[in-house]
Every structure is written in C-alpha cells, then in structure tokens.
C-alpha cells in the first residue's frame, strides 16, 4: 500500500546516481551482546563493514536508562527525529521499529531494516511482555509502512511482514545477516586433544521463551537415560534463565548441563571450537546469526524445522532439523551425531564452505547495491521478492543462501 509519508525519490536524482556516502543507523536495541543479542551483533557488524567500504555511518542510540524498554524506545524516537533531519544524511536506516517517527516527515530516503518481526515474536510471549510487544509491533508497522524500502533478513521474515503489517512484497528486499569470518574461523580444525571430553553440545541464546530450551533440556534427560556420554554448555542470559535452571535441576541434569551466562568473546570462540555440536531448537528465528557462528567454526548444527531456520541451516548438509516440540526427535538427532564423528566432520566442513556466502564485506556490498536498486525502482530490486526458494540475493544477483538455506536474528 502506498505510504502517505513516502518520500518523492525523484527529488534526489544526484543521490541515487552517486550512491550514499553518509548513513544514519537508528537503533534503540542495547549496544551490547548481553542485552542486544543477535540484533546488536548484526547492526554493529554491518556498520563496521560499511565503514571499511568508505561509507560514513553514525549510530544513533539512547543514552539514558529507563525502567521500561518500550517507553525508552518511544521517547528515543521522539527525541532523535529532529536530529536526523538536521544531520544531512544520504540515507536513514532504522532497525526494527526505530525511525517510525522520523519517517513521518522524512527529508531523505528512509530504510526500515527488520531484524526480527515483533508481531511474530510476541506470539511466544504472555502477559505484560506480550502487551508491551504488541505496542512495539504497532510502531514497527508504522515504520515499514512509511519506509521507502523495507529490508528483511529472510523469506520467512518477508512473509511475516506482509501478513502482519500489510506491506506489499514488492517493497521488501532480502539481505541476509553477515559474519566477520576472521573473528570466528580458524585455518585448521582443532586437534582431537582440544575437543571436550565427554563431547560437548553448545547452545548460545538470549533466553526468551521462543528459544525453546525446555525441550532441549528434556532431550538431554533422554540422552542421559540412554547412557549417551555428553556435556552441555548453555551461553547467554535472559528472562527464562532461572526457570530453565530449575528445570535442569528437576531433571537431575546438574552434572551434565552448565549455564555459563554471558562470557567474553575469546572464551565463546574457544567453546565453539571445543564443542562437538551446536544446538538451538528455537521455535522462532528471523535468521539466526549463531548458526553462522557455528558454521564458521566448523560445527554441525541441530535445530528446529521452524521459522527462518531452514533457510540458514541446510538439513542433511550443515545440520539436522527436527520438530521444535519433539524432545525425542531432538535427542535422536543429537545422539546420532555424537555417535558419528565422520558425519559431524563432513557437516562441519560443508558449513565452513557455505558460510563464505555470508562474509561481512560481501553482504555489506549487497546491502548497498540492493537498497540503491530498490530506491531507483530497478527491476533487479523487484525481482528479489520473487526468487526461487533457498536463494537470497547479493550484489550482482549472485545467490547467498544454500540450496535449502537462502539466508534467514
């Protein structure tokens, strides 16, 4: 549907010809891994990669604390809008709902980059949290309806934006998440001596209900009952951590499962390298940056056949996908990989090859080219919304995704 606040792109022919030199990134997501999780990782890496391509990026984020995250997001957007108009940026890129108020009277192209569709995420919440997310989703709807271009990270997210926010697919382009491979990849796999013993299963997640770790803990109990040797490391914080720790204790898994909280990046890389398997059975993911991290470290993945996960994890190639509500199937997939070092190695090597498609410089270049084409109304941009399943775009029309994983936070 046409937006009543759409910018007349024809007013800026010189900008569209030369491309952007100065961007504003607008985000009220906390600027830390502990609080901002994958959204922060994706935003910060995109900013760095664009700066390496001589694009100036200024990040606008809240500087004050508030007891209400929703209130802070709204107040920040009211505060930042006039500053964006004074900034003389070539593009303003708002992440998720951010930029909705600026877009009401924008003076330069406004791009809504959706890392996670809030209207989709709220379906896994209850009570006050769900009510707060419902308000945030209404603001995200305003953001995408007022945007000149909407960027989704996966086909799944694009479909959810169309369904939840009544935005035509023709206004949405797909650019997947990106990863700094130098920070994660090693030239050689770790030696057998470096592997954890018993073999370790690594999970990295911000602990929201949709991460589904209750099903994972029940799968671990089944593996324990089947006398499968393993240990499990769970990295991250979040509102569900205490409940899942209590479930671990109730299942008598304290000697098998360790909650590590937030750990330094160097320690996290070490955990990835020493683990045998990466597992995260989320019910809902807009993409799943942690799956890229696992592939960069050469680890096979066990995950859920849900949301955007099948676009990122190629079932049978880089990992195994199961029903998100079936702990028996999850235990079977994990146990099968634990018992088959050759399959783990083959899937890990395939993951190392496929993750090259998400290399930071490559995806950043795709972001620039794809958005610029969409602003110009070029057919190449419109075609991105009709690509065959399992393929995501990069600059020049080259596929980013695997045959079953087209790029899916």
Protein backbone atom coordinates (compact mmCIF):
# COMPACT_ATOMS: atom_id res chain seq x y z
CA UNK A 1 0.00 0.00 0.00
CA UNK A 2 1.38 3.43 -0.77
CA UNK A 3 2.56 5.30 2.26
CA UNK A 4 1.14 8.73 2.96
CA UNK A 5 4.60 9.77 4.15
CA UNK A 6 6.53 8.37 1.19
CA UNK A 7 9.44 10.49 0.07
CA UNK A 8 9.49 11.75 -3.50
CA UNK A 9 12.67 9.96 -4.56
CA UNK A 10 12.70 11.99 -7.75
CA UNK A 11 13.77 14.98 -5.66
CA UNK A 12 17.16 13.34 -5.12
CA UNK A 13 18.47 12.20 -8.54
CA UNK A 14 22.08 13.11 -7.71
CA UNK A 15 21.99 10.98 -4.56
CA UNK A 16 20.65 7.96 -6.39
CA UNK A 17 23.25 8.30 -9.12
CA UNK A 18 26.26 8.55 -6.83
CA UNK A 19 25.07 6.31 -4.00
CA UNK A 20 25.25 7.07 -0.28
CA UNK A 21 28.34 8.45 1.43
CA UNK A 22 26.87 9.13 4.87
CA UNK A 23 24.33 6.95 6.66
CA UNK A 24 22.49 7.23 9.96
CA UNK A 25 21.80 3.98 11.80
CA UNK A 26 18.95 4.36 14.27
CA UNK A 27 18.52 1.72 16.95
CA UNK A 28 17.15 1.53 20.46
CA UNK A 29 18.43 -2.03 20.84
CA UNK A 30 21.02 -2.12 23.66
CA UNK A 31 24.52 -1.84 22.23
CA UNK A 32 25.93 -4.95 23.88
CA UNK A 33 25.83 -8.67 23.20
CA UNK A 34 24.47 -9.37 26.68
CA UNK A 35 21.36 -7.20 26.19
CA UNK A 36 21.13 -6.68 22.44
CA UNK A 37 21.94 -10.28 21.42
CA UNK A 38 21.98 -11.06 17.69
CA UNK A 39 20.36 -7.76 16.73
CA UNK A 40 23.28 -5.81 18.19
CA UNK A 41 25.78 -8.16 16.54
CA UNK A 42 24.19 -7.71 13.11
CA UNK A 43 23.90 -3.92 13.35
CA UNK A 44 27.42 -3.36 14.65
CA UNK A 45 28.99 -5.68 12.07
CA UNK A 46 27.11 -4.04 9.19
CA UNK A 47 28.26 -0.60 10.38
CA UNK A 48 31.91 -1.72 10.56
CA UNK A 49 31.77 -3.37 7.14
CA UNK A 50 30.24 -0.30 5.51
CA UNK A 51 32.86 1.93 7.12
CA UNK A 52 35.55 -0.31 5.66
CA UNK A 53 33.98 0.48 2.27
CA UNK A 54 34.39 4.24 2.94
CA UNK A 55 30.77 4.81 3.94
CA UNK A 56 30.42 7.04 6.99
CA UNK A 57 27.99 5.54 9.49
CA UNK A 58 26.74 7.36 12.57
CA UNK A 59 24.83 5.22 15.07
CA UNK A 60 22.06 6.99 16.99
CA UNK A 61 21.10 5.11 20.17
CA UNK A 62 19.54 6.03 23.53
CA UNK A 63 21.95 7.44 26.09
CA UNK A 64 19.65 7.27 29.10
CA UNK A 65 18.31 4.41 31.21
CA UNK A 66 14.62 3.69 31.65
CA UNK A 67 12.81 1.04 33.70
CA UNK A 68 10.55 0.44 30.69
CA UNK A 69 12.20 -0.68 27.47
CA UNK A 70 9.08 0.16 25.46
CA UNK A 71 8.88 3.67 26.92
CA UNK A 72 12.58 4.20 26.24
CA UNK A 73 12.12 3.19 22.60
CA UNK A 74 9.22 5.60 22.11
CA UNK A 75 10.91 8.54 23.84
CA UNK A 76 14.14 7.91 21.95
CA UNK A 77 12.33 8.00 18.61
CA UNK A 78 10.62 11.27 19.50
CA UNK A 79 13.98 12.73 20.57
CA UNK A 80 16.06 11.53 17.62
CA UNK A 81 13.75 12.55 14.76
CA UNK A 82 14.71 16.27 14.62
CA UNK A 83 18.39 15.38 14.98
CA UNK A 84 18.16 13.09 11.99
CA UNK A 85 16.59 15.88 9.93
CA UNK A 86 19.46 18.21 10.86
CA UNK A 87 22.10 15.57 10.11
CA UNK A 88 22.04 15.84 6.30
CA UNK A 89 22.37 12.08 5.81
CA UNK A 90 22.12 10.35 2.46
CA UNK A 91 20.05 7.52 3.95
CA UNK A 92 18.48 6.98 7.34
CA UNK A 93 18.42 3.27 8.26
CA UNK A 94 16.12 2.41 11.14
CA UNK A 95 16.28 -1.04 12.69
CA UNK A 96 13.03 -2.76 13.62
CA UNK A 97 10.61 -0.06 14.85
CA UNK A 98 13.25 2.68 15.11
CA UNK A 99 12.78 5.64 12.82
CA UNK A 100 8.99 5.38 12.76
CA UNK A 101 8.58 8.98 13.96
CA UNK A 102 11.32 10.41 11.74
CA UNK A 103 9.68 8.74 8.73
CA UNK A 104 6.51 10.73 9.35
CA UNK A 105 8.30 13.83 7.97
CA UNK A 106 11.45 12.42 6.42
CA UNK A 107 13.79 14.50 4.30
CA UNK A 108 15.97 11.73 2.92
CA UNK A 109 15.34 8.08 1.98
CA UNK A 110 14.30 6.02 4.99
CA UNK A 111 15.08 2.29 5.04
CA UNK A 112 13.36 0.05 7.59
CA UNK A 113 15.70 -2.87 8.30
CA UNK A 114 13.77 -5.55 10.18
CA UNK A 115 15.98 -7.85 12.23
CA UNK A 116 13.08 -9.57 13.93
CA UNK A 117 9.38 -9.12 13.17
CA UNK A 118 7.98 -8.05 16.53
CA UNK A 119 4.45 -9.13 15.60
CA UNK A 120 5.85 -12.62 15.12
CA UNK A 121 7.99 -12.66 18.26
CA UNK A 122 5.12 -11.65 20.55
CA UNK A 123 3.22 -14.86 19.77
CA UNK A 124 5.67 -16.69 22.06
CA UNK A 125 5.12 -14.32 24.99
CA UNK A 126 2.41 -13.87 27.60
CA UNK A 127 1.05 -11.22 29.95
CA UNK A 128 2.72 -7.84 30.30
CA UNK A 129 5.57 -8.73 27.96
CA UNK A 130 3.15 -9.62 25.21
CA UNK A 131 1.21 -6.39 25.75
CA UNK A 132 4.42 -4.34 25.51
CA UNK A 133 5.46 -6.15 22.35
CA UNK A 134 2.02 -5.56 20.84
CA UNK A 135 2.58 -1.81 21.22
CA UNK A 136 6.08 -2.12 19.74
CA UNK A 137 4.66 -4.11 16.83
CA UNK A 138 2.18 -1.31 16.10
CA UNK A 139 5.11 1.12 15.90
CA UNK A 140 7.09 -1.28 13.72
CA UNK A 141 4.08 -1.41 11.41
CA UNK A 142 4.21 2.38 11.10
CA UNK A 143 7.94 2.17 10.37
CA UNK A 144 7.62 -0.30 7.50
CA UNK A 145 4.55 1.39 6.03
CA UNK A 146 6.35 4.74 5.99
CA UNK A 147 9.66 3.34 4.66
CA UNK A 148 10.86 3.81 1.09
CA UNK A 149 12.48 0.35 1.23
CA UNK A 150 11.99 -2.46 3.73
CA UNK A 151 14.88 -4.89 4.26
CA UNK A 152 14.17 -8.37 5.63
CA UNK A 153 16.80 -10.96 6.52
CA UNK A 154 14.89 -14.00 5.18
CA UNK A 155 11.95 -15.07 3.06
CA UNK A 156 10.20 -16.10 6.25
CA UNK A 157 10.55 -12.61 7.72
CA UNK A 158 9.38 -11.03 4.48
CA UNK A 159 6.24 -13.17 4.55
CA UNK A 160 5.56 -12.24 8.16
CA UNK A 161 5.98 -8.52 7.38
CA UNK A 162 3.49 -8.82 4.52
CA UNK A 163 0.97 -10.70 6.68
CA UNK A 164 1.31 -8.71 9.90
CA UNK A 165 1.92 -5.19 8.59
CA UNK A 166 0.04 -5.08 5.27
CA UNK A 167 3.12 -4.07 3.27
CA UNK A 168 3.30 -5.36 -0.32
CA UNK A 169 6.10 -7.83 -1.00
CA UNK A 170 7.26 -5.62 -3.88
CA UNK A 171 8.54 -3.07 -1.34
CA UNK A 172 10.56 -5.64 0.61
CA UNK A 173 14.04 -6.83 -0.36
CA UNK A 174 16.06 -9.58 1.30
CA UNK A 175 19.59 -9.11 2.57
CA UNK A 176 20.75 -11.82 4.99
CA UNK A 177 22.74 -11.36 8.15
CA UNK A 178 26.53 -11.21 7.91
CA UNK A 179 29.51 -12.53 9.83
CA UNK A 180 33.10 -11.42 10.34
CA UNK A 181 34.75 -14.70 9.42
CA UNK A 182 38.20 -13.58 10.53
CA UNK A 183 36.92 -13.30 14.08
CA UNK A 184 35.50 -16.84 14.09
CA UNK A 185 37.20 -19.06 11.56
CA UNK A 186 40.47 -20.88 12.09
CA UNK A 187 42.62 -22.14 9.24
CA UNK A 188 42.67 -25.66 10.71
CA UNK A 189 40.15 -27.59 12.79
CA UNK A 190 41.08 -28.09 16.45
CA UNK A 191 43.19 -31.12 17.29
CA UNK A 192 41.49 -34.11 18.92
CA UNK A 193 43.16 -33.11 22.20
CA UNK A 194 41.35 -29.76 22.08
CA UNK A 195 37.91 -31.39 21.90
CA UNK A 196 35.93 -31.54 25.14
CA UNK A 197 35.61 -34.96 26.77
CA UNK A 198 32.88 -36.11 27.08
CA UNK A 199 31.75 -34.45 23.84
CA UNK A 200 30.13 -31.07 24.39
CA UNK A 201 26.92 -29.65 22.94
CA UNK A 202 26.99 -25.85 22.78
CA UNK A 203 23.94 -23.57 22.87
CA UNK A 204 24.17 -19.77 22.56
CA UNK A 205 20.96 -17.81 23.05
CA UNK A 206 19.30 -14.83 24.66
CA UNK A 207 16.89 -16.77 26.84
CA UNK A 208 13.45 -15.80 25.63
CA UNK A 209 10.60 -18.39 25.54
CA UNK A 210 10.93 -18.76 21.77
CA UNK A 211 14.45 -20.20 22.19
CA UNK A 212 12.72 -23.35 23.41
CA UNK A 213 15.40 -24.59 25.81
CA UNK A 214 12.85 -26.51 27.87
CA UNK A 215 12.50 -29.01 25.03
CA UNK A 216 16.30 -29.17 24.75
CA UNK A 217 16.66 -29.98 28.48
CA UNK A 218 14.11 -32.77 28.15
CA UNK A 219 16.08 -34.13 25.20
CA UNK A 220 19.21 -34.09 27.37
CA UNK A 221 17.37 -36.14 30.00
CA UNK A 222 16.55 -38.74 27.34
CA UNK A 223 20.19 -38.88 26.25
CA UNK A 224 21.29 -39.31 29.87
CA UNK A 225 18.76 -42.13 30.35
CA UNK A 226 20.12 -43.79 27.22
CA UNK A 227 23.66 -43.67 28.72
CA UNK A 228 24.96 -41.38 25.96
CA UNK A 229 28.13 -39.59 27.18
CA UNK A 230 27.87 -35.83 26.74
CA UNK A 231 28.11 -32.48 28.48
CA UNK A 232 26.12 -29.36 27.56
CA UNK A 233 27.18 -25.71 27.71
CA UNK A 234 24.49 -23.01 27.57
CA UNK A 235 25.76 -19.47 26.98
CA UNK A 236 23.64 -16.37 27.44
CA UNK A 237 21.25 -14.54 29.74
CA UNK A 238 17.59 -13.66 29.54
CA UNK A 239 14.26 -13.73 31.37
CA UNK A 240 13.88 -17.52 31.17
CA UNK A 241 17.29 -18.45 32.58
CA UNK A 242 16.15 -19.09 36.17
CA UNK A 243 13.15 -21.17 35.08
CA UNK A 244 15.33 -23.30 32.81
CA UNK A 245 17.94 -23.75 35.54
CA UNK A 246 15.19 -25.00 37.82
CA UNK A 247 14.04 -27.41 35.10
CA UNK A 248 17.63 -28.66 34.69
CA UNK A 249 17.78 -29.35 38.43
CA UNK A 250 14.35 -31.06 38.43
CA UNK A 251 15.57 -33.35 35.63
CA UNK A 252 18.71 -34.12 37.66
CA UNK A 253 20.99 -32.77 34.94
CA UNK A 254 23.20 -30.51 37.05
CA UNK A 255 26.24 -32.74 36.43
CA UNK A 256 25.64 -32.64 32.65
CA UNK A 257 24.33 -29.15 31.83
CA UNK A 258 26.11 -25.90 32.73
CA UNK A 259 24.61 -22.43 32.34
CA UNK A 260 27.57 -20.14 31.69
CA UNK A 261 25.83 -16.77 31.39
CA UNK A 262 27.46 -14.14 29.19
CA UNK A 263 31.12 -14.88 28.57
CA UNK A 264 33.90 -12.91 26.82
CA UNK A 265 34.17 -13.25 23.03
CA UNK A 266 37.50 -15.09 23.25
CA UNK A 267 36.02 -17.66 25.62
CA UNK A 268 32.99 -18.08 23.37
CA UNK A 269 35.19 -18.80 20.35
CA UNK A 270 37.04 -21.37 22.44
CA UNK A 271 33.77 -23.05 23.43
CA UNK A 272 32.68 -23.22 19.79
CA UNK A 273 35.98 -24.81 18.81
CA UNK A 274 35.96 -27.41 21.60
CA UNK A 275 32.28 -28.36 21.18
CA UNK A 276 31.22 -31.35 19.08
CA UNK A 277 27.79 -29.99 18.13
CA UNK A 278 25.90 -26.70 18.18
CA UNK A 279 22.22 -26.98 19.13
CA UNK A 280 19.46 -24.38 19.35
CA UNK A 281 15.86 -25.60 18.84
CA UNK A 282 14.17 -22.17 18.54
CA UNK A 283 10.51 -22.03 17.63
CA UNK A 284 11.01 -18.62 16.03
CA UNK A 285 14.07 -17.06 14.36
CA UNK A 286 14.14 -14.26 11.82
CA UNK A 287 17.52 -15.57 10.70
CA UNK A 288 19.81 -16.96 13.43
CA UNK A 289 23.31 -15.40 13.48
CA UNK A 290 24.50 -18.05 15.92
CA UNK A 291 24.09 -20.65 13.18
CA UNK A 292 26.58 -18.70 11.06
CA UNK A 293 28.98 -18.66 14.01
CA UNK A 294 28.69 -22.42 14.36
CA UNK A 295 29.31 -22.94 10.64
CA UNK A 296 32.31 -20.59 10.73
CA UNK A 297 33.76 -22.76 13.49
CA UNK A 298 33.09 -25.95 11.51
CA UNK A 299 30.38 -27.32 13.80
CA UNK A 300 27.38 -29.43 12.75
CA UNK A 301 24.07 -27.95 13.87
CA UNK A 302 20.95 -29.48 15.38
CA UNK A 303 17.99 -27.10 15.23
CA UNK A 304 14.24 -26.88 14.74
CA UNK A 305 12.44 -27.03 11.43
CA UNK A 306 10.71 -23.73 12.13
CA UNK A 307 10.53 -20.09 11.01
CA UNK A 308 13.65 -18.98 9.06
CA UNK A 309 15.92 -21.72 10.41
CA UNK A 310 15.63 -23.98 7.30
CA UNK A 311 16.82 -21.03 5.19
CA UNK A 312 20.02 -20.76 7.23
CA UNK A 313 20.68 -24.39 8.17
CA UNK A 314 20.64 -26.84 5.26
CA UNK A 315 19.01 -30.03 6.59
CA UNK A 316 21.26 -33.01 5.96
CA UNK A 317 24.12 -30.80 4.75
CA UNK A 318 25.18 -28.44 7.52
CA UNK A 319 22.98 -29.91 10.23
CA UNK A 320 19.84 -31.79 11.20
CA UNK A 321 16.40 -30.21 11.64
CA UNK A 322 13.62 -31.66 13.78
CA UNK A 323 10.14 -30.77 15.03
CA UNK A 324 10.57 -27.99 17.62
CA UNK A 325 8.16 -29.64 20.07
CA UNK A 326 9.59 -33.18 19.92
CA UNK A 327 12.32 -33.83 22.53
CA UNK A 328 12.61 -37.46 21.39
CA UNK A 329 13.45 -36.42 17.82
CA UNK A 330 15.86 -33.81 19.15
CA UNK A 331 17.61 -36.38 21.34
CA UNK A 332 17.80 -38.80 18.42
CA UNK A 333 19.42 -36.18 16.15
CA UNK A 334 21.95 -35.14 18.80
CA UNK A 335 22.73 -38.74 19.73
CA UNK A 336 23.18 -39.73 16.12
CA UNK A 337 25.76 -37.00 15.56
CA UNK A 338 27.55 -37.75 18.83
CA UNK A 339 27.97 -41.35 17.69
CA UNK A 340 29.20 -40.46 14.18
CA UNK A 341 32.39 -38.35 14.14
CA UNK A 342 32.63 -38.71 10.37
CA UNK A 343 29.20 -37.17 9.82
CA UNK A 344 30.00 -34.38 12.27
CA UNK A 345 33.21 -33.63 10.38
CA UNK A 346 31.50 -33.70 6.96
CA UNK A 347 28.70 -31.36 8.08
CA UNK A 348 31.20 -29.04 9.73
CA UNK A 349 33.31 -28.82 6.58
CA UNK A 350 30.21 -28.12 4.48
CA UNK A 351 29.24 -25.38 6.91
CA UNK A 352 32.67 -23.77 6.59
CA UNK A 353 32.24 -23.61 2.82
CA UNK A 354 28.67 -22.33 2.86
CA UNK A 355 29.24 -19.61 5.45
CA UNK A 356 31.54 -17.83 2.99
CA UNK A 357 28.35 -16.61 1.32
CA UNK A 358 27.61 -14.52 4.41
CA UNK A 359 31.05 -12.90 4.62
CA UNK A 360 30.71 -9.39 6.05
CA UNK A 361 32.20 -7.42 3.15
CA UNK A 362 30.11 -9.32 0.65
CA UNK A 363 26.79 -8.86 2.45
CA UNK A 364 27.53 -5.19 3.19
CA UNK A 365 28.10 -4.61 -0.52
CA UNK A 366 24.82 -6.44 -1.18
CA UNK A 367 23.01 -4.18 1.28
CA UNK A 368 24.19 -1.06 -0.53
CA UNK A 369 23.51 -2.37 -4.03
CA UNK A 370 20.13 -3.91 -3.19
CA UNK A 371 18.74 -0.88 -1.37
CA UNK A 372 20.05 1.51 -4.01
CA UNK A 373 18.43 -0.55 -6.76
CA UNK A 374 15.15 -0.61 -4.85
CA UNK A 375 15.22 3.17 -4.36
CA UNK A 376 15.80 3.59 -8.08
CA UNK A 377 12.90 1.24 -8.80
CA UNK A 378 15.10 -1.00 -10.92
CA UNK A 379 13.69 -4.39 -11.99
CA UNK A 380 16.62 -6.19 -10.34
CA UNK A 381 15.41 -4.99 -6.96
CA UNK A 382 11.83 -6.01 -7.62
CA UNK A 383 12.92 -9.47 -8.72
CA UNK A 384 14.41 -10.11 -5.28
CA UNK A 385 10.92 -10.64 -3.93
CA UNK A 386 10.26 -13.48 -6.38
CA UNK A 387 13.44 -15.54 -6.12
CA UNK A 388 13.18 -19.31 -6.08
CA UNK A 389 13.15 -20.99 -2.65
CA UNK A 390 16.53 -21.38 -0.99
CA UNK A 391 18.22 -18.40 -2.63
CA UNK A 392 18.99 -14.98 -1.21
CA UNK A 393 20.39 -12.03 -3.12
CA UNK A 394 23.79 -10.43 -3.04
CA UNK A 395 25.22 -7.72 -5.22
CA UNK A 396 25.14 -8.70 -8.86
CA UNK A 397 22.33 -11.20 -8.39
CA UNK A 398 24.61 -13.93 -7.02
CA UNK A 399 22.94 -16.32 -4.57
CA UNK A 400 23.84 -16.07 -0.91
CA UNK A 401 21.90 -18.98 0.51
CA UNK A 402 22.47 -22.69 0.18
CA UNK A 403 20.13 -24.81 -1.97
CA UNK A 404 17.85 -25.09 1.06
CA UNK A 405 19.10 -22.15 3.08
CA UNK A 406 18.57 -18.79 1.48
CA UNK A 407 19.58 -16.52 4.33
CA UNK A 408 17.18 -16.03 7.12
CA UNK A 409 18.45 -12.62 14.07
